[in-house]
Amino acid sequence: MPQEQMRRVSAKLFGNRYRAELMLALAQAGTQGVCLGDLGLRQGVVPGVYRAPMGALMSLGLVEALPATAGERRRWYRMTPQSSLWPLLRPLLDCLAEEEPPAQAR
């Protein structure tokens, strides 16, 4: 699905244009996690657009911050492995991503 179309669908489904994009990146990254700055660069947006959806996912217990690495300014986040919602969301995210290129690994 083209990026702008995914953002329209995300706004309707999740109430935020960038939430599906963020969730897809998290699902594809697995345990390596996602850096919002890197994701913003890859997607051509200001990383701040992901803060609200990240906060919502964290408040639901779907995402956790990875421990900071000494000397590293970037913060990394990953799916919470024990969440029972990710297996239910993954087919939807995969469907939205059918024509999207896979996220680059860290």
N, C-alpha and C. Protein backbone atom coordinates (compact mmCIF):
# COMPACT_ATOMS: atom_id res chain seq x y z
N MET A 1 0.86 -1.17 0.00
CA MET A 1 0.00 0.00 0.00
C MET A 1 0.90 1.23 0.00
N PRO A 2 0.64 2.18 -0.86
CA PRO A 2 1.45 3.40 -0.86
C PRO A 2 1.39 4.09 0.50
N GLN A 3 2.48 4.77 0.82
CA GLN A 3 2.63 5.39 2.14
C GLN A 3 1.48 6.32 2.52
N GLU A 4 1.08 7.19 1.62
CA GLU A 4 0.01 8.13 1.95
C GLU A 4 -1.32 7.42 2.17
N GLN A 5 -1.56 6.37 1.42
CA GLN A 5 -2.78 5.60 1.62
C GLN A 5 -2.75 4.89 2.99
N MET A 6 -1.59 4.35 3.35
CA MET A 6 -1.46 3.72 4.67
C MET A 6 -1.75 4.72 5.77
N ARG A 7 -1.28 5.94 5.61
CA ARG A 7 -1.51 6.97 6.63
C ARG A 7 -2.98 7.34 6.73
N ARG A 8 -3.69 7.36 5.61
CA ARG A 8 -5.14 7.63 5.66
C ARG A 8 -5.87 6.50 6.37
N VAL A 9 -5.50 5.27 6.06
CA VAL A 9 -6.11 4.11 6.71
C VAL A 9 -5.79 4.13 8.20
N SER A 10 -4.56 4.44 8.54
CA SER A 10 -4.15 4.50 9.94
C SER A 10 -4.96 5.53 10.71
N ALA A 11 -5.19 6.69 10.11
CA ALA A 11 -5.99 7.73 10.77
C ALA A 11 -7.39 7.23 11.07
N LYS A 12 -7.97 6.49 10.13
CA LYS A 12 -9.33 5.97 10.33
C LYS A 12 -9.36 4.82 11.34
N LEU A 13 -8.39 3.90 11.24
CA LEU A 13 -8.39 2.73 12.12
C LEU A 13 -7.91 3.04 13.54
N PHE A 14 -6.84 3.83 13.63
CA PHE A 14 -6.17 4.01 14.91
C PHE A 14 -6.22 5.44 15.45
N GLY A 15 -6.81 6.37 14.69
CA GLY A 15 -6.93 7.74 15.17
C GLY A 15 -5.65 8.55 15.06
N ASN A 16 -4.66 8.03 14.34
CA ASN A 16 -3.40 8.74 14.16
C ASN A 16 -2.81 8.31 12.82
N ARG A 17 -2.39 9.27 12.01
CA ARG A 17 -1.86 8.97 10.67
C ARG A 17 -0.60 8.10 10.70
N TYR A 18 0.18 8.16 11.75
CA TYR A 18 1.48 7.50 11.77
C TYR A 18 1.53 6.24 12.64
N ARG A 19 0.44 5.92 13.30
CA ARG A 19 0.46 4.77 14.22
C ARG A 19 0.68 3.45 13.50
N ALA A 20 0.00 3.21 12.38
CA ALA A 20 0.18 1.95 11.65
C ALA A 20 1.61 1.83 11.14
N GLU A 21 2.16 2.93 10.64
CA GLU A 21 3.54 2.96 10.14
C GLU A 21 4.52 2.60 11.26
N LEU A 22 4.30 3.16 12.42
CA LEU A 22 5.15 2.87 13.58
C LEU A 22 4.99 1.43 14.02
N MET A 23 3.76 0.96 14.09
CA MET A 23 3.51 -0.43 14.51
C MET A 23 4.13 -1.41 13.52
N LEU A 24 4.05 -1.12 12.24
CA LEU A 24 4.65 -1.97 11.23
C LEU A 24 6.17 -2.02 11.41
N ALA A 25 6.78 -0.85 11.63
CA ALA A 25 8.23 -0.81 11.84
C ALA A 25 8.62 -1.62 13.07
N LEU A 26 7.85 -1.51 14.14
CA LEU A 26 8.12 -2.27 15.36
C LEU A 26 7.98 -3.77 15.11
N ALA A 27 6.94 -4.16 14.41
CA ALA A 27 6.70 -5.58 14.12
C ALA A 27 7.81 -6.15 13.25
N GLN A 28 8.27 -5.38 12.27
CA GLN A 28 9.32 -5.86 11.39
C GLN A 28 10.68 -5.88 12.07
N ALA A 29 10.91 -4.99 13.01
CA ALA A 29 12.20 -4.90 13.69
C ALA A 29 12.39 -6.00 14.73
N GLY A 30 11.27 -6.51 15.26
CA GLY A 30 11.37 -7.57 16.27
C GLY A 30 12.12 -7.10 17.50
N THR A 31 13.04 -7.93 18.00
CA THR A 31 13.75 -7.63 19.25
C THR A 31 14.81 -6.55 19.08
N GLN A 32 15.22 -6.25 17.83
CA GLN A 32 16.21 -5.20 17.60
C GLN A 32 15.68 -3.83 17.93
N GLY A 33 14.40 -3.63 17.72
CA GLY A 33 13.77 -2.38 18.06
C GLY A 33 13.87 -1.32 16.98
N VAL A 34 13.28 -0.18 17.29
CA VAL A 34 13.16 0.94 16.35
C VAL A 34 13.62 2.21 17.05
N CYS A 35 14.39 3.01 16.34
CA CYS A 35 14.76 4.35 16.78
C CYS A 35 13.87 5.33 16.02
N LEU A 36 13.16 6.19 16.73
CA LEU A 36 12.22 7.10 16.07
C LEU A 36 12.93 8.05 15.11
N GLY A 37 14.13 8.48 15.44
CA GLY A 37 14.89 9.35 14.54
C GLY A 37 15.22 8.66 13.23
N ASP A 38 15.69 7.41 13.33
CA ASP A 38 16.01 6.65 12.13
C ASP A 38 14.77 6.38 11.29
N LEU A 39 13.67 6.04 11.97
CA LEU A 39 12.42 5.77 11.26
C LEU A 39 11.95 7.03 10.53
N GLY A 40 12.03 8.18 11.20
CA GLY A 40 11.63 9.43 10.57
C GLY A 40 12.45 9.73 9.32
N LEU A 41 13.76 9.52 9.40
CA LEU A 41 14.62 9.73 8.23
C LEU A 41 14.23 8.81 7.09
N ARG A 42 13.99 7.54 7.41
CA ARG A 42 13.63 6.55 6.39
C ARG A 42 12.29 6.88 5.73
N GLN A 43 11.36 7.40 6.53
CA GLN A 43 10.01 7.67 6.01
C GLN A 43 9.84 9.10 5.50
N GLY A 44 10.86 9.93 5.67
CA GLY A 44 10.79 11.30 5.18
C GLY A 44 9.90 12.22 6.00
N VAL A 45 9.84 11.97 7.31
CA VAL A 45 9.03 12.81 8.19
C VAL A 45 9.86 13.22 9.41
N VAL A 46 9.40 14.22 10.11
CA VAL A 46 10.03 14.63 11.36
C VAL A 46 9.76 13.54 12.40
N PRO A 47 10.79 13.07 13.12
CA PRO A 47 10.58 11.98 14.08
C PRO A 47 9.51 12.27 15.13
N GLY A 48 9.26 13.55 15.40
CA GLY A 48 8.26 13.91 16.40
C GLY A 48 6.86 13.41 16.09
N VAL A 49 6.57 13.09 14.81
CA VAL A 49 5.23 12.61 14.47
C VAL A 49 4.95 11.25 15.11
N TYR A 50 6.00 10.56 15.53
CA TYR A 50 5.84 9.24 16.14
C TYR A 50 5.71 9.28 17.67
N ARG A 51 5.94 10.45 18.27
CA ARG A 51 5.92 10.51 19.74
C ARG A 51 4.55 10.17 20.34
N ALA A 52 3.50 10.78 19.82
CA ALA A 52 2.15 10.51 20.37
C ALA A 52 1.75 9.05 20.18
N PRO A 53 1.91 8.48 18.96
CA PRO A 53 1.54 7.07 18.83
C PRO A 53 2.43 6.16 19.67
N MET A 54 3.71 6.51 19.83
CA MET A 54 4.59 5.69 20.68
C MET A 54 4.12 5.75 22.13
N GLY A 55 3.77 6.94 22.58
CA GLY A 55 3.27 7.09 23.95
C GLY A 55 2.01 6.27 24.18
N ALA A 56 1.12 6.27 23.20
CA ALA A 56 -0.11 5.48 23.32
C ALA A 56 0.20 3.99 23.35
N LEU A 57 1.11 3.52 22.50
CA LEU A 57 1.47 2.10 22.49
C LEU A 57 2.15 1.69 23.79
N MET A 58 2.98 2.58 24.33
CA MET A 58 3.64 2.28 25.60
C MET A 58 2.63 2.25 26.75
N SER A 59 1.67 3.17 26.74
CA SER A 59 0.67 3.18 27.82
C SER A 59 -0.22 1.94 27.79
N LEU A 60 -0.35 1.33 26.61
CA LEU A 60 -1.11 0.09 26.49
C LEU A 60 -0.28 -1.15 26.83
N GLY A 61 1.01 -0.95 27.05
CA GLY A 61 1.90 -2.07 27.34
C GLY A 61 2.31 -2.84 26.11
N LEU A 62 2.14 -2.24 24.92
CA LEU A 62 2.51 -2.92 23.68
C LEU A 62 3.96 -2.69 23.28
N VAL A 63 4.57 -1.65 23.85
CA VAL A 63 5.94 -1.28 23.49
C VAL A 63 6.71 -0.97 24.77
N GLU A 64 8.01 -1.29 24.73
CA GLU A 64 8.88 -0.96 25.85
C GLU A 64 10.15 -0.30 25.32
N ALA A 65 10.73 0.56 26.13
CA ALA A 65 12.00 1.19 25.78
C ALA A 65 13.11 0.19 26.10
N LEU A 66 14.07 0.09 25.20
CA LEU A 66 15.23 -0.75 25.45
C LEU A 66 16.20 0.01 26.35
N PRO A 67 16.99 -0.72 27.14
CA PRO A 67 17.96 -0.02 27.99
C PRO A 67 18.91 0.83 27.15
N ALA A 68 19.24 1.99 27.69
CA ALA A 68 20.15 2.90 26.97
C ALA A 68 21.54 2.27 26.89
N THR A 69 22.21 2.50 25.78
CA THR A 69 23.57 2.04 25.59
C THR A 69 24.51 3.19 25.92
N ALA A 70 25.55 2.91 26.66
CA ALA A 70 26.51 3.95 27.05
C ALA A 70 27.04 4.66 25.81
N GLY A 71 27.02 5.99 25.84
CA GLY A 71 27.52 6.80 24.74
C GLY A 71 26.56 6.95 23.57
N GLU A 72 25.41 6.32 23.64
CA GLU A 72 24.42 6.36 22.56
C GLU A 72 23.31 7.33 22.93
N ARG A 73 23.08 8.33 22.07
CA ARG A 73 22.01 9.30 22.32
C ARG A 73 20.66 8.80 21.87
N ARG A 74 20.67 7.94 20.87
CA ARG A 74 19.39 7.46 20.33
C ARG A 74 18.72 6.51 21.31
N ARG A 75 17.38 6.56 21.31
CA ARG A 75 16.58 5.64 22.13
C ARG A 75 15.94 4.62 21.22
N TRP A 76 15.90 3.39 21.66
CA TRP A 76 15.33 2.29 20.89
C TRP A 76 14.13 1.72 21.64
N TYR A 77 13.13 1.32 20.88
CA TYR A 77 11.89 0.76 21.42
C TYR A 77 11.58 -0.53 20.69
N ARG A 78 10.94 -1.45 21.40
CA ARG A 78 10.54 -2.70 20.76
C ARG A 78 9.18 -3.13 21.27
N MET A 79 8.59 -4.06 20.53
CA MET A 79 7.31 -4.64 20.95
C MET A 79 7.51 -5.34 22.28
N THR A 80 6.51 -5.28 23.13
CA THR A 80 6.56 -6.02 24.38
C THR A 80 6.26 -7.48 24.06
N PRO A 81 7.23 -8.37 24.28
CA PRO A 81 7.05 -9.76 23.85
C PRO A 81 5.86 -10.48 24.49
N GLN A 82 5.52 -10.13 25.71
CA GLN A 82 4.45 -10.85 26.38
C GLN A 82 3.04 -10.37 26.00
N SER A 83 2.94 -9.34 25.20
CA SER A 83 1.63 -8.82 24.82
C SER A 83 0.91 -9.81 23.91
N SER A 84 -0.33 -10.07 24.23
CA SER A 84 -1.13 -10.99 23.42
C SER A 84 -1.77 -10.28 22.22
N LEU A 85 -1.64 -8.95 22.14
CA LEU A 85 -2.25 -8.22 21.02
C LEU A 85 -1.40 -8.24 19.75
N TRP A 86 -0.07 -8.33 19.87
CA TRP A 86 0.77 -8.30 18.67
C TRP A 86 0.45 -9.44 17.71
N PRO A 87 0.25 -10.67 18.17
CA PRO A 87 -0.11 -11.72 17.21
C PRO A 87 -1.43 -11.45 16.48
N LEU A 88 -2.33 -10.73 17.12
CA LEU A 88 -3.59 -10.36 16.47
C LEU A 88 -3.41 -9.20 15.50
N LEU A 89 -2.52 -8.27 15.82
CA LEU A 89 -2.29 -7.11 14.97
C LEU A 89 -1.41 -7.41 13.77
N ARG A 90 -0.55 -8.40 13.90
CA ARG A 90 0.44 -8.67 12.84
C ARG A 90 -0.20 -8.94 11.47
N PRO A 91 -1.25 -9.75 11.36
CA PRO A 91 -1.86 -9.95 10.04
C PRO A 91 -2.39 -8.65 9.42
N LEU A 92 -2.96 -7.80 10.24
CA LEU A 92 -3.44 -6.51 9.74
C LEU A 92 -2.27 -5.66 9.25
N LEU A 93 -1.21 -5.59 10.02
CA LEU A 93 -0.04 -4.82 9.64
C LEU A 93 0.60 -5.37 8.37
N ASP A 94 0.67 -6.70 8.27
CA ASP A 94 1.22 -7.32 7.07
C ASP A 94 0.38 -6.98 5.84
N CYS A 95 -0.93 -6.96 6.01
CA CYS A 95 -1.83 -6.60 4.91
C CYS A 95 -1.59 -5.15 4.48
N LEU A 96 -1.43 -4.26 5.44
CA LEU A 96 -1.18 -2.85 5.12
C LEU A 96 0.16 -2.66 4.43
N ALA A 97 1.09 -3.57 4.71
CA ALA A 97 2.46 -3.43 4.19
C ALA A 97 2.70 -4.19 2.90
N GLU A 98 1.72 -4.81 2.33
CA GLU A 98 1.92 -5.67 1.17
C GLU A 98 2.82 -5.07 0.11
N GLU A 99 2.68 -3.78 -0.13
CA GLU A 99 3.49 -3.14 -1.17
C GLU A 99 4.55 -2.24 -0.59
N GLU A 100 4.70 -2.23 0.74
CA GLU A 100 5.72 -1.41 1.37
C GLU A 100 7.04 -2.17 1.43
N PRO A 101 8.17 -1.51 1.23
CA PRO A 101 9.45 -2.18 1.39
C PRO A 101 9.68 -2.50 2.86
N PRO A 102 10.38 -3.60 3.18
CA PRO A 102 10.61 -3.94 4.59
C PRO A 102 11.49 -2.89 5.26
N ALA A 103 11.28 -2.70 6.55
CA ALA A 103 12.08 -1.76 7.32
C ALA A 103 13.52 -2.26 7.40
N GLN A 104 14.47 -1.33 7.38
CA GLN A 104 15.86 -1.71 7.47
C GLN A 104 16.20 -2.06 8.91
N ALA A 105 17.06 -3.04 9.07
CA ALA A 105 17.47 -3.46 10.41
C ALA A 105 18.43 -2.42 10.99
N ARG A 106 18.54 -2.42 12.26
CA ARG A 106 19.39 -1.51 13.03
C ARG A 106 20.83 -1.71 12.71
